[in-house]
PDB file of N, CA and C in Angstrom:
ATOM      1  N   MET A   1      -1.267  -6.006 -23.720  1.00  0.00           N
ATOM      2  CA  MET A   1      -2.008  -4.837 -23.273  1.00  0.00           C
ATOM      3  C   MET A   1      -2.896  -5.384 -21.883  1.00  0.00           C
ATOM      4  N   ASN A   2      -3.344  -6.429 -21.918  1.00  0.00           N
ATOM      5  CA  ASN A   2      -3.867  -6.970 -20.462  1.00  0.00           C
ATOM      6  C   ASN A   2      -3.059  -7.034 -19.319  1.00  0.00           C
ATOM      7  N   THR A   3      -1.752  -7.354 -19.667  1.00  0.00           N
ATOM      8  CA  THR A   3      -0.762  -7.294 -18.501  1.00  0.00           C
ATOM      9  C   THR A   3      -0.709  -5.854 -17.932  1.00  0.00           C
ATOM     10  N   ILE A   4      -0.667  -4.955 -18.966  1.00  0.00           N
ATOM     11  CA  ILE A   4      -0.394  -3.509 -18.629  1.00  0.00           C
ATOM     12  C   ILE A   4      -1.516  -2.962 -17.799  1.00  0.00           C
ATOM     13  N   LEU A   5      -2.834  -3.305 -18.187  1.00  0.00           N
ATOM     14  CA  LEU A   5      -3.878  -2.964 -17.707  1.00  0.00           C
ATOM     15  C   LEU A   5      -3.863  -3.550 -16.192  1.00  0.00           C
ATOM     16  N   LEU A   6      -3.388  -4.905 -15.945  1.00  0.00           N
ATOM     17  CA  LEU A   6      -3.763  -5.508 -14.799  1.00  0.00           C
ATOM     18  C   LEU A   6      -2.627  -4.775 -13.730  1.00  0.00           C
ATOM     19  N   VAL A   7      -1.404  -4.603 -14.355  1.00  0.00           N
ATOM     20  CA  VAL A   7      -0.297  -3.731 -13.439  1.00  0.00           C
ATOM     21  C   VAL A   7      -0.875  -2.385 -12.882  1.00  0.00           C
ATOM     22  N   LEU A   8      -1.427  -1.672 -14.008  1.00  0.00           N
ATOM     23  CA  LEU A   8      -1.929  -0.211 -13.555  1.00  0.00           C
ATOM     24  C   LEU A   8      -3.184  -0.185 -12.561  1.00  0.00           C
ATOM     25  N   CYS A   9      -4.021  -1.316 -12.722  1.00  0.00           N
ATOM     26  CA  CYS A   9      -5.039  -1.432 -11.929  1.00  0.00           C
ATOM     27  C   CYS A   9      -4.481  -2.040 -10.427  1.00  0.00           C
ATOM     28  N   ASN A  10      -3.708  -2.891 -10.527  1.00  0.00           N
ATOM     29  CA  ASN A  10      -3.201  -3.580  -9.188  1.00  0.00           C
ATOM     30  C   ASN A  10      -2.359  -2.191  -8.457  1.00  0.00           C
ATOM     31  N   ALA A  11      -1.716  -1.658  -9.049  1.00  0.00           N
ATOM     32  CA  ALA A  11      -1.137  -0.425  -8.363  1.00  0.00           C
ATOM     33  C   ALA A  11      -1.939   0.560  -7.968  1.00  0.00           C
ATOM     34  N   LEU A  12      -2.824   1.058  -8.618  1.00  0.00           N
ATOM     35  CA  LEU A  12      -3.941   2.149  -8.049  1.00  0.00           C
ATOM     36  C   LEU A  12      -4.724   1.235  -7.027  1.00  0.00           C
ATOM     37  N   SER A  13      -5.126   0.230  -6.766  1.00  0.00           N
ATOM     38  CA  SER A  13      -5.574  -0.407  -6.028  1.00  0.00           C
ATOM     39  C   SER A  13      -5.020  -0.392  -4.570  1.00  0.00           C
ATOM     40  N   CYS A  14      -3.523  -0.711  -4.723  1.00  0.00           N
ATOM     41  CA  CYS A  14      -2.768  -0.737  -3.502  1.00  0.00           C
ATOM     42  C   CYS A  14      -2.639   0.707  -2.754  1.00  0.00           C
ATOM     43  N   PHE A  15      -2.442   1.419  -3.979  1.00  0.00           N
ATOM     44  CA  PHE A  15      -2.402   3.157  -3.577  1.00  0.00           C
ATOM     45  C   PHE A  15      -3.567   3.591  -2.747  1.00  0.00           C
ATOM     46  N   ILE A  16      -4.454   3.125  -3.253  1.00  0.00           N
ATOM     47  CA  ILE A  16      -5.883   3.718  -2.690  1.00  0.00           C
ATOM     48  C   ILE A  16      -6.161   2.927  -1.313  1.00  0.00           C
ATOM     49  N   ILE A  17      -5.767   1.666  -1.062  1.00  0.00           N
ATOM     50  CA  ILE A  17      -5.898   0.905   0.023  1.00  0.00           C
ATOM     51  C   ILE A  17      -4.832   1.543   1.315  1.00  0.00           C
ATOM     52  N   SER A  18      -3.614   1.750   0.669  1.00  0.00           N
ATOM     53  CA  SER A  18      -2.643   2.251   1.500  1.00  0.00           C
ATOM     54  C   SER A  18      -3.054   3.637   1.931  1.00  0.00           C
ATOM     55  N   THR A  19      -3.695   4.516   1.104  1.00  0.00           N
ATOM     56  CA  THR A  19      -3.898   5.749   1.555  1.00  0.00           C
ATOM     57  C   THR A  19      -5.036   5.788   2.370  1.00  0.00           C
ATOM     58  N   ILE A  20      -6.007   5.038   2.365  1.00  0.00           N
ATOM     59  CA  ILE A  20      -7.190   5.161   3.358  1.00  0.00           C
ATOM     60  C   ILE A  20      -6.770   4.434   4.781  1.00  0.00           C
ATOM     61  N   LEU A  21      -5.901   3.559   4.565  1.00  0.00           N
ATOM     62  CA  LEU A  21      -5.362   2.876   5.891  1.00  0.00           C
ATOM     63  C   LEU A  21      -4.670   3.865   6.633  1.00  0.00           C
ATOM     64  N   PHE A  22      -3.626   4.669   6.012  1.00  0.00           N
ATOM     65  CA  PHE A  22      -2.875   5.749   6.668  1.00  0.00           C
ATOM     66  C   PHE A  22      -3.738   7.007   7.118  1.00  0.00           C
ATOM     67  N   GLN A  23      -4.716   7.478   6.535  1.00  0.00           N
ATOM     68  CA  GLN A  23      -5.488   8.285   7.155  1.00  0.00           C
ATOM     69  C   GLN A  23      -6.279   8.033   8.087  1.00  0.00           C
ATOM     70  N   PHE A  24      -6.901   6.869   8.116  1.00  0.00           N
ATOM     71  CA  PHE A  24      -7.258   6.081   9.506  1.00  0.00           C
ATOM     72  C   PHE A  24      -6.661   6.134  10.736  1.00  0.00           C
ATOM     73  N   MET A  25      -5.205   5.919  10.555  1.00  0.00           N
ATOM     74  CA  MET A  25      -4.318   5.752  11.486  1.00  0.00           C
ATOM     75  C   MET A  25      -3.675   7.218  11.859  1.00  0.00           C
ATOM     76  N   ASN A  26      -3.771   8.093  10.803  1.00  0.00           N
ATOM     77  CA  ASN A  26      -3.611   9.451  11.162  1.00  0.00           C
ATOM     78  C   ASN A  26      -4.273   9.937  12.052  1.00  0.00           C
ATOM     79  N   GLY A  27      -6.001   9.763  11.852  1.00  0.00           N
ATOM     80  CA  GLY A  27      -6.818  10.352  12.929  1.00  0.00           C
ATOM     81  C   GLY A  27      -7.024   9.679  13.942  1.00  0.00           C
ATOM     82  N   LYS A  28      -6.698   8.674  14.210  1.00  0.00           N
ATOM     83  CA  LYS A  28      -7.115   7.690  15.482  1.00  0.00           C
ATOM     84  C   LYS A  28      -5.619   7.546  16.337  1.00  0.00           C
ATOM     85  N   TYR A  29      -4.444   7.657  15.776  1.00  0.00           N
ATOM     86  CA  TYR A  29      -3.374   7.679  16.511  1.00  0.00           C
ATOM     87  C   TYR A  29      -2.415   8.918  16.692  1.00  0.00           C
ATOM     88  N   LYS A  30      -1.744   9.254  17.519  1.00  0.00           N
ATOM     89  CA  LYS A  30      -0.866  10.237  17.610  1.00  0.00           C
ATOM     90  C   LYS A  30       0.429   9.892  16.878  1.00  0.00           C
ATOM     91  N   LYS A  31       0.967  10.933  16.096  1.00  0.00           N
ATOM     92  CA  LYS A  31       2.395  10.528  15.461  1.00  0.00           C
ATOM     93  C   LYS A  31       3.490  10.654  16.217  1.00  0.00           C
ATOM     94  N   SER A  32       4.277   9.465  16.073  1.00  0.00           N
ATOM     95  CA  SER A  32       5.427   9.536  17.188  1.00  0.00           C
ATOM     96  C   SER A  32       6.851  10.419  16.426  1.00  0.00           C
ATOM     97  N   SER A  33       6.599  10.580  15.278  1.00  0.00           N
ATOM     98  CA  SER A  33       8.006  11.096  14.696  1.00  0.00           C
ATOM     99  C   SER A  33       7.431  12.540  14.285  1.00  0.00           C
ATOM    100  N   ARG A  34       8.328  13.585  14.287  1.00  0.00           N
ATOM    101  CA  ARG A  34       8.016  14.695  13.764  1.00  0.00           C
ATOM    102  C   ARG A  34       8.111  14.957  12.319  1.00  0.00           C
ATOM    103  N   ASN A  35       9.065  14.136  11.706  1.00  0.00           N
ATOM    104  CA  ASN A  35       9.542  14.065  10.300  1.00  0.00           C
ATOM    105  C   ASN A  35       8.320  13.491   9.553  1.00  0.00           C
ATOM    106  N   ARG A  36       7.968  14.456   8.673  1.00  0.00           N
ATOM    107  CA  ARG A  36       6.843  13.870   8.093  1.00  0.00           C
ATOM    108  C   ARG A  36       7.445  12.876   6.783  1.00  0.00           C
ATOM    109  N   TYR A  37       8.528  13.051   6.361  1.00  0.00           N
ATOM    110  CA  TYR A  37       9.076  12.070   5.580  1.00  0.00           C
ATOM    111  C   TYR A  37       9.049  10.696   6.006  1.00  0.00           C
ATOM    112  N   VAL A  38       9.388  10.250   7.184  1.00  0.00           N
ATOM    113  CA  VAL A  38       9.151   9.011   7.342  1.00  0.00           C
ATOM    114  C   VAL A  38       7.904   8.466   7.186  1.00  0.00           C
ATOM    115  N   TYR A  39       6.877   8.960   7.283  1.00  0.00           N
ATOM    116  CA  TYR A  39       5.384   8.588   7.077  1.00  0.00           C
ATOM    117  C   TYR A  39       5.256   8.329   5.638  1.00  0.00           C
ATOM    118  N   ILE A  40       5.792   9.115   4.574  1.00  0.00           N
ATOM    119  CA  ILE A  40       5.734   9.085   3.198  1.00  0.00           C
ATOM    120  C   ILE A  40       6.424   7.952   2.773  1.00  0.00           C
ATOM    121  N   VAL A  41       7.723   7.657   3.520  1.00  0.00           N
ATOM    122  CA  VAL A  41       8.428   6.291   2.959  1.00  0.00           C
ATOM    123  C   VAL A  41       7.703   5.339   3.419  1.00  0.00           C
ATOM    124  N   ILE A  42       7.171   5.071   4.674  1.00  0.00           N
ATOM    125  CA  ILE A  42       6.452   4.046   5.131  1.00  0.00           C
ATOM    126  C   ILE A  42       5.519   3.628   4.076  1.00  0.00           C
ATOM    127  N   GLU A  43       4.318   4.660   3.980  1.00  0.00           N
ATOM    128  CA  GLU A  43       3.528   4.428   3.190  1.00  0.00           C
ATOM    129  C   GLU A  43       3.930   4.007   1.537  1.00  0.00           C
ATOM    130  N   THR A  44       4.759   4.471   1.013  1.00  0.00           N
ATOM    131  CA  THR A  44       5.302   4.397  -0.200  1.00  0.00           C
ATOM    132  C   THR A  44       5.921   2.694  -0.309  1.00  0.00           C
ATOM    133  N   THR A  45       6.637   2.399   0.860  1.00  0.00           N
ATOM    134  CA  THR A  45       6.980   1.139   0.967  1.00  0.00           C
ATOM    135  C   THR A  45       5.681   0.048   1.052  1.00  0.00           C
ATOM    136  N   THR A  46       4.802   0.458   1.889  1.00  0.00           N
ATOM    137  CA  THR A  46       3.834  -0.368   1.964  1.00  0.00           C
ATOM    138  C   THR A  46       2.951  -0.660   0.771  1.00  0.00           C
ATOM    139  N   VAL A  47       3.003   0.325  -0.293  1.00  0.00           N
ATOM    140  CA  VAL A  47       2.232   0.379  -1.454  1.00  0.00           C
ATOM    141  C   VAL A  47       3.182  -0.795  -2.381  1.00  0.00           C
ATOM    142  N   ILE A  48       4.094  -0.703  -2.390  1.00  0.00           N
ATOM    143  CA  ILE A  48       5.122  -1.362  -3.055  1.00  0.00           C
ATOM    144  C   ILE A  48       5.148  -2.640  -2.903  1.00  0.00           C
ATOM    145  N   PHE A  49       5.280  -2.893  -1.284  1.00  0.00           N
ATOM    146  CA  PHE A  49       5.205  -4.489  -0.964  1.00  0.00           C
ATOM    147  C   PHE A  49       3.595  -5.119  -1.283  1.00  0.00           C
ATOM    148  N   THR A  50       2.803  -4.362  -0.847  1.00  0.00           N
ATOM    149  CA  THR A  50       1.494  -4.971  -1.259  1.00  0.00           C
ATOM    150  C   THR A  50       1.402  -5.330  -2.812  1.00  0.00           C
ATOM    151  N   PHE A  51       1.580  -4.436  -3.837  1.00  0.00           N
ATOM    152  CA  PHE A  51       1.994  -4.471  -5.190  1.00  0.00           C
ATOM    153  C   PHE A  51       2.494  -5.808  -5.519  1.00  0.00           C
ATOM    154  N   CYS A  52       3.955  -5.612  -4.929  1.00  0.00           N
ATOM    155  CA  CYS A  52       4.530  -6.872  -5.446  1.00  0.00           C
ATOM    156  C   CYS A  52       3.834  -8.354  -4.970  1.00  0.00           C
ATOM    157  N   ILE A  53       3.170  -8.418  -3.952  1.00  0.00           N
ATOM    158  CA  ILE A  53       2.572  -9.451  -3.248  1.00  0.00           C
ATOM    159  C   ILE A  53       1.454  -9.524  -4.343  1.00  0.00           C
ATOM    160  N   ASN A  54       0.671  -8.903  -4.743  1.00  0.00           N
ATOM    161  CA  ASN A  54      -0.506  -9.078  -5.554  1.00  0.00           C
ATOM    162  C   ASN A  54      -0.331  -9.315  -7.059  1.00  0.00           C
ATOM    163  N   MET A  55       1.064  -8.937  -7.248  1.00  0.00           N
ATOM    164  CA  MET A  55       1.683  -9.501  -8.725  1.00  0.00           C
ATOM    165  C   MET A  55       2.082 -10.961  -8.955  1.00  0.00           C
ATOM    166  N   LEU A  56       2.279 -11.525  -7.555  1.00  0.00           N
ATOM    167  CA  LEU A  56       2.581 -12.943  -7.760  1.00  0.00           C
ATOM    168  C   LEU A  56       1.146 -13.898  -7.848  1.00  0.00           C
ATOM    169  N   ASN A  57      -0.191 -13.460  -7.613  1.00  0.00           N
ATOM    170  CA  ASN A  57      -1.278 -13.928  -8.133  1.00  0.00           C
ATOM    171  C   ASN A  57      -1.240 -15.098  -7.144  1.00  0.00           C
ATOM    172  N   HIS A  58      -0.833 -15.233  -5.798  1.00  0.00           N
ATOM    173  CA  HIS A  58      -1.150 -16.265  -4.660  1.00  0.00           C
ATOM    174  C   HIS A  58      -2.044 -15.656  -3.750  1.00  0.00           C
ATOM    175  N   SER A  59      -3.205 -15.871  -3.557  1.00  0.00           N
ATOM    176  CA  SER A  59      -4.283 -15.526  -2.772  1.00  0.00           C
ATOM    177  C   SER A  59      -3.849 -15.717  -1.244  1.00  0.00           C
ATOM    178  N   ILE A  60      -2.981 -16.696  -1.032  1.00  0.00           N
ATOM    179  CA  ILE A  60      -2.873 -16.985   0.495  1.00  0.00           C
ATOM    180  C   ILE A  60      -1.790 -16.111   0.914  1.00  0.00           C
ATOM    181  N   LEU A  61      -0.932 -15.608  -0.024  1.00  0.00           N
ATOM    182  CA  LEU A  61      -0.136 -14.370   0.420  1.00  0.00           C
ATOM    183  C   LEU A  61      -0.469 -13.147   0.918  1.00  0.00           C
ATOM    184  N   ASN A  62      -1.860 -12.718  -0.105  1.00  0.00           N
ATOM    185  CA  ASN A  62      -2.558 -11.691   0.370  1.00  0.00           C
ATOM    186  C   ASN A  62      -3.026 -11.881   1.852  1.00  0.00           C
ATOM    187  N   LEU A  63      -3.692 -12.975   2.244  1.00  0.00           N
ATOM    188  CA  LEU A  63      -4.177 -13.192   3.556  1.00  0.00           C
ATOM    189  C   LEU A  63      -3.107 -12.942   4.224  1.00  0.00           C
ATOM    190  N   VAL A  64      -1.888 -13.251   4.172  1.00  0.00           N
ATOM    191  CA  VAL A  64      -0.917 -13.647   5.063  1.00  0.00           C
ATOM    192  C   VAL A  64      -0.621 -11.893   5.459  1.00  0.00           C
ATOM    193  N   TYR A  65      -0.487 -11.035   4.396  1.00  0.00           N
ATOM    194  CA  TYR A  65      -0.076  -9.750   4.460  1.00  0.00           C
ATOM    195  C   TYR A  65      -1.290  -9.029   5.315  1.00  0.00           C
TER     196      TYR A  65
END
């Protein structure tokens, strides 16, 4: 149960952080691609990559990313 809760909270945290980051970048910078799916794929990849790093439980990897 604790592991499931850790995974769900970690995934939610990564999603929220990536969403805030991409909303900031969307308001600050002009999009270079007209295809909106490119940005969805990039955001999804960022969430998955951050999630995997956090699940390794190595704090130094969080600093590198």
